[in-house]
Protein backbone atom coordinates (compact mmCIF):
# COMPACT_ATOMS: atom_id res chain seq x y z
CA UNK A 1 31.98 24.16 -51.01
CA UNK A 2 33.26 27.31 -49.19
CA UNK A 3 35.16 26.97 -45.72
CA UNK A 4 32.65 28.89 -43.75
CA UNK A 5 29.86 26.85 -45.28
CA UNK A 6 31.77 23.64 -44.18
CA UNK A 7 32.21 25.05 -40.69
CA UNK A 8 28.31 25.71 -40.53
CA UNK A 9 27.24 22.32 -41.65
CA UNK A 10 29.79 20.62 -39.11
CA UNK A 11 28.61 23.06 -36.33
CA UNK A 12 25.01 21.91 -36.89
CA UNK A 13 25.95 18.16 -37.33
CA UNK A 14 27.60 18.22 -33.73
CA UNK A 15 24.51 20.12 -32.01
CA UNK A 16 22.30 17.45 -33.69
CA UNK A 17 24.40 14.53 -32.39
CA UNK A 18 24.68 16.23 -28.84
CA UNK A 19 20.86 17.27 -28.60
CA UNK A 20 20.00 13.40 -29.40
CA UNK A 21 21.85 11.81 -26.64
CA UNK A 22 20.19 11.04 -23.61
CA UNK A 23 21.58 11.86 -20.21
CA UNK A 24 20.79 11.03 -16.47
CA UNK A 25 18.36 13.47 -15.16
CA UNK A 26 20.08 15.46 -12.24
CA UNK A 27 17.11 17.38 -10.91
CA UNK A 28 15.70 15.87 -7.75
CA UNK A 29 11.61 15.92 -7.79
CA UNK A 30 9.55 16.20 -4.37
CA UNK A 31 7.80 12.98 -4.62
CA UNK A 32 4.75 12.28 -2.05
CA UNK A 33 5.59 11.09 1.12
CA UNK A 34 3.60 7.86 1.47
CA UNK A 35 3.01 4.78 4.25
CA UNK A 36 1.23 1.77 3.72
CA UNK A 37 0.79 -0.78 6.95
CA UNK A 38 -1.26 -3.80 6.22
CA UNK A 39 -2.24 -7.33 7.73
CA UNK A 40 -3.55 -10.14 5.38
CA UNK A 41 -5.94 -8.00 2.84
CA UNK A 42 -8.49 -10.18 0.81
CA UNK A 43 -6.95 -11.25 -2.94
CA UNK A 44 -8.67 -9.44 -5.77
CA UNK A 45 -12.14 -10.24 -6.32
CA UNK A 46 -13.12 -9.14 -2.66
CA UNK A 47 -15.56 -6.47 -2.38
CA UNK A 48 -15.29 -2.98 -0.79
CA UNK A 49 -17.55 -0.10 -0.05
CA UNK A 50 -16.01 3.32 -0.20
CA UNK A 51 -16.79 6.19 2.08
CA UNK A 52 -15.10 9.70 1.65
CA UNK A 53 -14.68 12.73 4.22
CA UNK A 54 -13.06 15.76 3.54
CA UNK A 55 -11.73 18.83 5.16
CA UNK A 56 -10.72 22.28 3.29
CA UNK A 57 -9.70 25.16 5.43
CA UNK A 58 -9.40 27.52 2.44
CA UNK A 59 -12.58 27.02 0.47
CA UNK A 60 -16.12 27.37 2.05
CA UNK A 61 -19.26 25.48 1.21
CA UNK A 62 -19.95 21.79 0.71
CA UNK A 63 -17.28 19.10 -0.63
CA UNK A 64 -19.72 16.56 -1.87
CA UNK A 65 -18.50 17.05 -5.54
CA UNK A 66 -15.06 16.78 -4.44
CA UNK A 67 -15.81 13.61 -2.44
CA UNK A 68 -17.62 12.06 -5.42
CA UNK A 69 -14.77 12.79 -7.53
CA UNK A 70 -12.18 11.37 -5.18
CA UNK A 71 -14.57 8.30 -4.79
CA UNK A 72 -14.43 8.10 -8.46
CA UNK A 73 -10.74 7.83 -8.87
CA UNK A 74 -10.27 5.24 -5.87
CA UNK A 75 -13.01 3.11 -7.62
CA UNK A 76 -11.44 3.26 -10.78
CA UNK A 77 -7.97 2.46 -9.51
CA UNK A 78 -8.87 -0.54 -7.24
CA UNK A 79 -11.26 -2.24 -9.89
CA UNK A 80 -8.26 -2.28 -12.07
CA UNK A 81 -6.53 -4.52 -9.54
CA UNK A 82 -9.49 -6.94 -9.74
CA UNK A 83 -11.51 -5.87 -6.57
CA UNK A 84 -15.17 -5.02 -6.68
CA UNK A 85 -16.79 -1.81 -5.42
CA UNK A 86 -20.20 -2.18 -4.15
CA UNK A 87 -22.61 -0.98 -1.60
CA UNK A 88 -24.08 -4.07 -0.10
CA UNK A 89 -22.86 -7.23 0.83
CA UNK A 90 -19.17 -6.18 1.02
CA UNK A 91 -16.07 -7.58 2.54
CA UNK A 92 -14.19 -4.48 3.50
CA UNK A 93 -15.10 -1.10 4.14
CA UNK A 94 -12.74 1.59 2.74
CA UNK A 95 -12.73 5.19 4.43
CA UNK A 96 -10.90 7.94 2.78
CA UNK A 97 -10.15 10.88 4.89
CA UNK A 98 -8.57 13.78 3.27
CA UNK A 99 -7.55 17.90 4.36
CA UNK A 100 -6.12 20.63 2.47
CA UNK A 101 -4.68 23.81 4.11
CA UNK A 102 -2.43 26.57 2.71
CA UNK A 103 1.43 26.29 3.60
CA UNK A 104 3.54 29.09 1.70
CA UNK A 105 7.13 28.78 1.58
CA UNK A 106 10.36 30.98 1.20
CA UNK A 107 12.22 29.01 -1.36
CA UNK A 108 16.16 30.10 -2.04
CA UNK A 109 17.52 28.85 -5.26
CA UNK A 110 20.23 29.70 -7.38
CA UNK A 111 19.37 31.54 -10.56
CA UNK A 112 19.95 28.33 -12.65
CA UNK A 113 17.91 26.27 -10.55
CA UNK A 114 15.04 28.97 -10.20
CA UNK A 115 14.76 28.99 -13.85
CA UNK A 116 14.83 25.09 -13.87
CA UNK A 117 12.15 25.19 -11.04
CA UNK A 118 9.94 28.04 -12.74
CA UNK A 119 9.88 25.98 -16.07
CA UNK A 120 9.11 22.60 -14.69
CA UNK A 121 6.52 23.85 -12.04
CA UNK A 122 6.12 22.25 -8.46
CA UNK A 123 4.37 19.06 -8.29
CA UNK A 124 4.35 16.70 -5.84
CA UNK A 125 7.51 6.63 0.84
CA UNK A 126 7.78 3.42 1.01
CA UNK A 127 5.42 0.86 -0.89
CA UNK A 128 5.39 -2.59 -1.36
CA UNK A 129 5.61 -2.26 -4.96
CA UNK A 130 9.16 -2.57 -6.04
CA UNK A 131 9.10 -0.70 -9.35
CA UNK A 132 7.65 2.26 -7.46
CA UNK A 133 10.06 1.77 -4.47
CA UNK A 134 12.89 1.47 -6.70
CA UNK A 135 11.85 4.83 -8.36
CA UNK A 136 11.74 6.49 -4.65
CA UNK A 137 15.22 5.42 -3.68
CA UNK A 138 16.79 6.76 -7.34
CA UNK A 139 14.96 10.10 -6.80
CA UNK A 140 16.18 10.59 -3.18
CA UNK A 141 19.81 9.92 -4.18
CA UNK A 142 19.76 12.03 -7.17
CA UNK A 143 20.89 15.96 -6.55
CA UNK A 144 21.00 18.85 -8.47
CA UNK A 145 24.35 20.69 -8.87
CA UNK A 146 24.95 24.35 -10.43
CA UNK A 147 27.77 26.43 -11.11
CA UNK A 148 25.58 29.62 -10.76
CA UNK A 149 26.43 31.88 -7.97
CA UNK A 150 23.39 34.04 -7.89
CA UNK A 151 20.70 33.21 -5.30
CA UNK A 152 17.19 34.24 -5.34
CA UNK A 153 14.64 33.98 -2.59
CA UNK A 154 10.91 34.07 -3.35
CA UNK A 155 7.56 33.30 -1.70
CA UNK A 156 5.85 30.62 -3.09
CA UNK A 157 2.05 29.89 -2.66
CA UNK A 158 1.57 26.19 -1.50
CA UNK A 159 -1.14 23.84 -0.38
CA UNK A 160 -0.50 20.98 1.86
CA UNK A 161 -2.81 17.67 0.85
CA UNK A 162 -3.09 14.81 3.37
CA UNK A 163 -4.99 11.66 2.53
CA UNK A 164 -5.58 8.82 5.02
CA UNK A 165 -7.03 5.44 3.81
CA UNK A 166 -8.40 3.18 6.26
CA UNK A 167 -9.62 -0.51 5.40
CA UNK A 168 -11.69 -1.89 8.14
CA UNK A 169 -13.42 -5.73 8.02
CA UNK A 170 -16.77 -6.35 8.83
CA UNK A 171 -15.75 -6.31 12.39
CA UNK A 172 -14.26 -2.85 12.17
CA UNK A 173 -10.75 -3.98 12.65
CA UNK A 174 -8.27 -2.29 10.86
CA UNK A 175 -6.24 -4.31 8.28
CA UNK A 176 -4.77 -1.93 5.86
CA UNK A 177 -3.92 1.45 5.91
CA UNK A 178 -2.29 3.89 3.48
CA UNK A 179 -0.97 7.55 4.01
CA UNK A 180 0.00 10.00 1.52
CA UNK A 181 1.18 13.81 1.99
CA UNK A 182 2.41 16.13 -0.92
CA UNK A 183 2.63 19.73 -1.11
CA UNK A 184 1.68 21.80 -4.36
CA UNK A 185 1.00 25.20 -5.74
CA UNK A 186 -2.37 23.79 -6.70
CA UNK A 187 -5.42 24.17 -4.15
CA UNK A 188 -7.48 21.54 -5.90
CA UNK A 189 -6.51 18.08 -4.52
CA UNK A 190 -8.28 16.15 -7.35
CA UNK A 191 -5.74 17.23 -9.86
CA UNK A 192 -2.91 14.98 -8.26
CA UNK A 193 -5.36 12.58 -6.69
CA UNK A 194 -4.93 9.97 -9.25
CA UNK A 195 -1.12 9.52 -9.23
CA UNK A 196 -0.96 10.08 -5.30
CA UNK A 197 -3.82 6.93 -4.93
CA UNK A 198 -1.97 4.78 -7.44
CA UNK A 199 1.46 5.22 -5.40
CA UNK A 200 -0.32 4.04 -2.37
CA UNK A 201 -2.70 1.36 -4.06
CA UNK A 202 0.67 -0.10 -5.87
CA UNK A 203 1.22 -2.35 -2.54
CA UNK A 204 -2.19 -4.15 -2.81
CA UNK A 205 -2.16 -7.45 -4.53
CA UNK A 206 -3.44 -7.47 -8.41
CA UNK A 207 -5.11 -9.97 -10.48
CA UNK A 208 -2.92 -8.78 -13.72
CA UNK A 209 -5.90 -9.74 -15.59
CA UNK A 210 -8.17 -6.56 -15.50
CA UNK A 211 -7.38 -4.05 -18.10
CA UNK A 212 -7.83 -0.22 -17.90
CA UNK A 213 -10.38 1.08 -20.31
CA UNK A 214 -9.95 4.66 -21.54
CA UNK A 215 -12.33 7.03 -23.97
CA UNK A 216 -11.04 7.17 -27.53
CA UNK A 217 -9.29 10.26 -28.42
CA UNK A 218 -10.93 12.40 -31.14
CA UNK A 219 -8.04 12.94 -33.59
CA UNK A 220 -9.12 16.12 -35.11
CA UNK A 221 -8.84 18.07 -32.00
CA UNK A 222 -5.15 16.88 -31.40
CA UNK A 223 -3.55 20.34 -31.91
CA UNK A 224 -6.12 21.93 -29.51
CA UNK A 225 -5.51 19.37 -27.26
CA UNK A 226 -1.98 19.99 -27.02
CA UNK A 227 -2.30 23.75 -26.65
CA UNK A 228 -5.20 23.37 -23.87
CA UNK A 229 -3.60 20.38 -21.77
CA UNK A 230 -0.07 19.12 -23.02
CA UNK A 231 1.99 22.40 -23.48
CA UNK A 232 4.52 22.60 -20.91
CA UNK A 233 2.71 19.78 -18.96
CA UNK A 234 4.96 17.60 -16.49
CA UNK A 235 3.77 14.03 -15.04
CA UNK A 236 4.78 12.51 -12.26
CA UNK A 237 4.80 8.52 -12.71
CA UNK A 238 5.09 6.53 -9.70
CA UNK A 239 7.56 3.98 -11.33
CA UNK A 240 9.82 6.84 -12.96
CA UNK A 241 12.14 8.77 -10.43
CA UNK A 242 12.21 12.27 -12.49
CA UNK A 243 9.49 14.46 -14.29
CA UNK A 244 8.09 13.56 -17.63
CA UNK A 245 7.19 15.89 -20.31
CA UNK A 246 6.04 15.76 -23.75
CA UNK A 247 8.62 17.53 -26.50
CA UNK A 248 6.85 20.62 -27.62
CA UNK A 249 7.64 23.63 -29.74
CA UNK A 250 5.85 27.03 -30.02
CA UNK A 251 5.23 28.92 -33.28
CA UNK A 252 6.61 32.40 -32.93
CA UNK A 253 3.82 33.65 -35.43
CA UNK A 254 0.92 31.90 -33.84
CA UNK A 255 1.88 31.31 -30.49
CA UNK A 256 0.68 27.60 -30.66
CA UNK A 257 2.40 24.85 -29.74
CA UNK A 258 3.06 21.18 -31.55
CA UNK A 259 4.49 18.02 -30.37
CA UNK A 260 7.84 17.30 -31.86
CA UNK A 261 8.43 13.81 -30.69
CA UNK A 262 7.19 10.57 -32.43
CA UNK A 263 3.50 10.54 -31.40
CA UNK A 264 1.83 7.85 -33.14
CA UNK A 265 -1.79 6.56 -33.12
CA UNK A 266 -3.60 9.63 -31.59
CA UNK A 267 -6.68 7.97 -31.18
CA UNK A 268 -4.81 6.43 -28.14
CA UNK A 269 -3.81 9.36 -26.41
CA UNK A 270 -5.76 8.88 -23.16
CA UNK A 271 -4.11 5.76 -23.01
CA UNK A 272 -0.57 7.26 -23.15
CA UNK A 273 -1.49 9.79 -20.61
CA UNK A 274 -3.01 7.14 -18.28
CA UNK A 275 0.01 5.06 -18.45
CA UNK A 276 2.11 8.11 -17.80
CA UNK A 277 0.50 8.47 -14.36
CA UNK A 278 0.04 4.78 -13.29
CA UNK A 279 2.80 2.85 -14.22
CA UNK A 280 4.01 0.57 -11.60
CA UNK A 281 6.99 -0.65 -13.41
CA UNK A 282 9.77 1.18 -15.76
CA UNK A 283 12.22 -0.60 -17.77
CA UNK A 284 15.82 1.07 -18.13
CA UNK A 285 15.98 0.93 -22.11
CA UNK A 286 19.44 -0.11 -21.81
CA UNK A 287 21.42 -3.34 -22.32
CA UNK A 288 20.16 -5.97 -20.04
CA UNK A 289 23.52 -6.58 -19.24
CA UNK A 290 23.51 -3.14 -17.48
CA UNK A 291 20.71 -4.19 -14.89
CA UNK A 292 22.85 -5.68 -12.43
CA UNK A 293 22.27 -2.57 -10.28
CA UNK A 294 18.89 -1.35 -10.32
CA UNK A 295 19.75 2.00 -8.45
CA UNK A 296 22.58 2.96 -10.65
CA UNK A 297 21.31 6.51 -11.94
CA UNK A 298 23.32 5.82 -15.30
CA UNK A 299 20.94 2.93 -16.46
CA UNK A 300 18.02 5.42 -16.23
CA UNK A 301 19.13 7.44 -19.24
CA UNK A 302 16.51 6.26 -21.16
CA UNK A 303 13.16 4.18 -20.11
CA UNK A 304 10.04 2.13 -21.58
CA UNK A 305 6.58 2.24 -20.23
CA UNK A 306 4.08 -0.56 -21.49
CA UNK A 307 0.70 -1.54 -20.78
CA UNK A 308 -2.50 -3.14 -22.29
CA UNK A 309 -5.77 -1.04 -22.68
CA UNK A 310 -9.34 -1.18 -23.90
CA UNK A 311 -9.94 2.03 -26.01
CA UNK A 312 -13.47 3.46 -26.52
CA UNK A 313 -16.18 0.67 -27.09
CA UNK A 314 -13.78 -1.32 -29.04
CA UNK A 315 -13.54 -4.94 -27.32
CA UNK A 316 -9.76 -5.20 -29.08
CA UNK A 317 -7.17 -5.13 -26.78
CA UNK A 318 -4.46 -2.48 -27.48
CA UNK A 319 -0.70 -2.57 -26.47
CA UNK A 320 0.78 0.72 -25.63
CA UNK A 321 4.77 1.34 -25.41
CA UNK A 322 5.98 4.86 -24.22
CA UNK A 323 9.94 5.51 -24.52
CA UNK A 324 11.54 8.26 -22.47
CA UNK A 325 14.74 9.85 -23.16
CA UNK A 326 16.82 11.74 -20.30
CA UNK A 327 17.55 15.52 -20.02
CA UNK A 328 19.07 17.39 -17.40
CA UNK A 329 15.84 18.52 -15.91
CA UNK A 330 13.79 15.13 -16.44
CA UNK A 331 12.62 12.72 -19.23
CA UNK A 332 11.29 13.72 -22.77
CA UNK A 333 8.76 11.39 -24.28
CA UNK A 334 11.03 10.02 -27.41
CA UNK A 335 7.88 8.14 -28.91
CA UNK A 336 4.67 6.57 -27.87
CA UNK A 337 2.41 4.16 -29.90
CA UNK A 338 0.27 1.22 -30.13
CA UNK A 339 2.68 -1.70 -31.11
CA UNK A 340 1.80 -5.29 -32.61
CA UNK A 341 1.53 -8.54 -30.33
CA UNK A 342 4.95 -9.60 -31.21
CA UNK A 343 6.53 -6.27 -30.13
CA UNK A 344 4.53 -6.08 -26.91
CA UNK A 345 5.60 -9.64 -26.14
CA UNK A 346 9.24 -8.81 -26.71
CA UNK A 347 8.33 -5.73 -23.91
CA UNK A 348 6.58 -8.24 -21.42
CA UNK A 349 9.71 -10.65 -21.70
CA UNK A 350 12.19 -7.96 -20.90
CA UNK A 351 9.51 -6.76 -18.05
CA UNK A 352 9.60 -10.50 -16.34
CA UNK A 353 13.36 -10.32 -16.15
CA UNK A 354 13.39 -6.66 -14.99
CA UNK A 355 11.31 -8.03 -12.20
CA UNK A 356 13.07 -11.01 -11.48
CA UNK A 357 16.31 -8.91 -11.10
CA UNK A 358 14.16 -6.60 -8.48
CA UNK A 359 13.03 -9.56 -6.69
CA UNK A 360 16.30 -10.83 -6.05
CA UNK A 361 17.66 -7.48 -5.46
CA UNK A 362 15.69 -6.60 -2.56
CA UNK A 363 15.69 -10.45 -1.20
CA UNK A 364 17.21 -9.80 2.22
CA UNK A 365 16.44 -12.77 3.85
CA UNK A 366 18.14 -16.14 4.43
CA UNK A 367 15.32 -18.17 5.97
């Protein structure tokens, strides 16, 4: 083999090895501010009535359909925790007030950072859910550094979304309150409300028995779905400190995108997307011995998410696992799929160990 050919193959091998290594993301993401205040709220199986009131200073006309969509999201998320939603004989009244107004910003960025910012887009805290709280701590402790000396100032069209959730008892006494606020380039509050609500509701008790149900995906439409929804799409997960995206590639001839990561069991696509937006715990996918310090950024170079789902009308419970690998700008989905009961049991065992570590880490009381 000629020397230039050998050099070429060695260079290709080095590129493959480097690109395959997981790194700790360095780009801090703007997580939504949130706050939860509570007294003793009823255990799962308690019942709620939900009422939504909204204010949008940009759009005109009635907000009835938006209110209905927000109510639907809220109902879905609290029912997953084991609570009931009904219009009569309820124990608690949940009142949701939201407001949206325009808040443009002048953003000054280095050229490298601007390119990353432009590619990743803009998305938008303290909760009782330890997995969610940990992600917030790690996100705030991360920082972005760049060697570029070129600065760019640009005007960004932004919208401020604020949601207040009050839970009162039958005596109209406030017993639980959640607030969440975020800025987004998207005027539509419903496009982000699912994850925003999940971040706040993670502080509510859960029965750990009610499984989420998602629709079954039409596998023949997978390519269309990628190009309509998944291309350059980034997810914000309550339990993960950085953005998450699918690894996609664009065909220069057709202009179409395809998934280049391990995407298995396409019928469970909606379960993967749901898990990416609602997971309350993420496991650093490193050796358990490295878990001693949960806020050590170095253990977050690889991550696992998992959950059980009902899919479509099937009564079978499906075990879903997603593995993430770190890049400088966030996580990319390494693979996602439906796994066996044995594999999921191994995940649950590691998750139980991880939860125990978090409980001990956050145990500051000696009485």
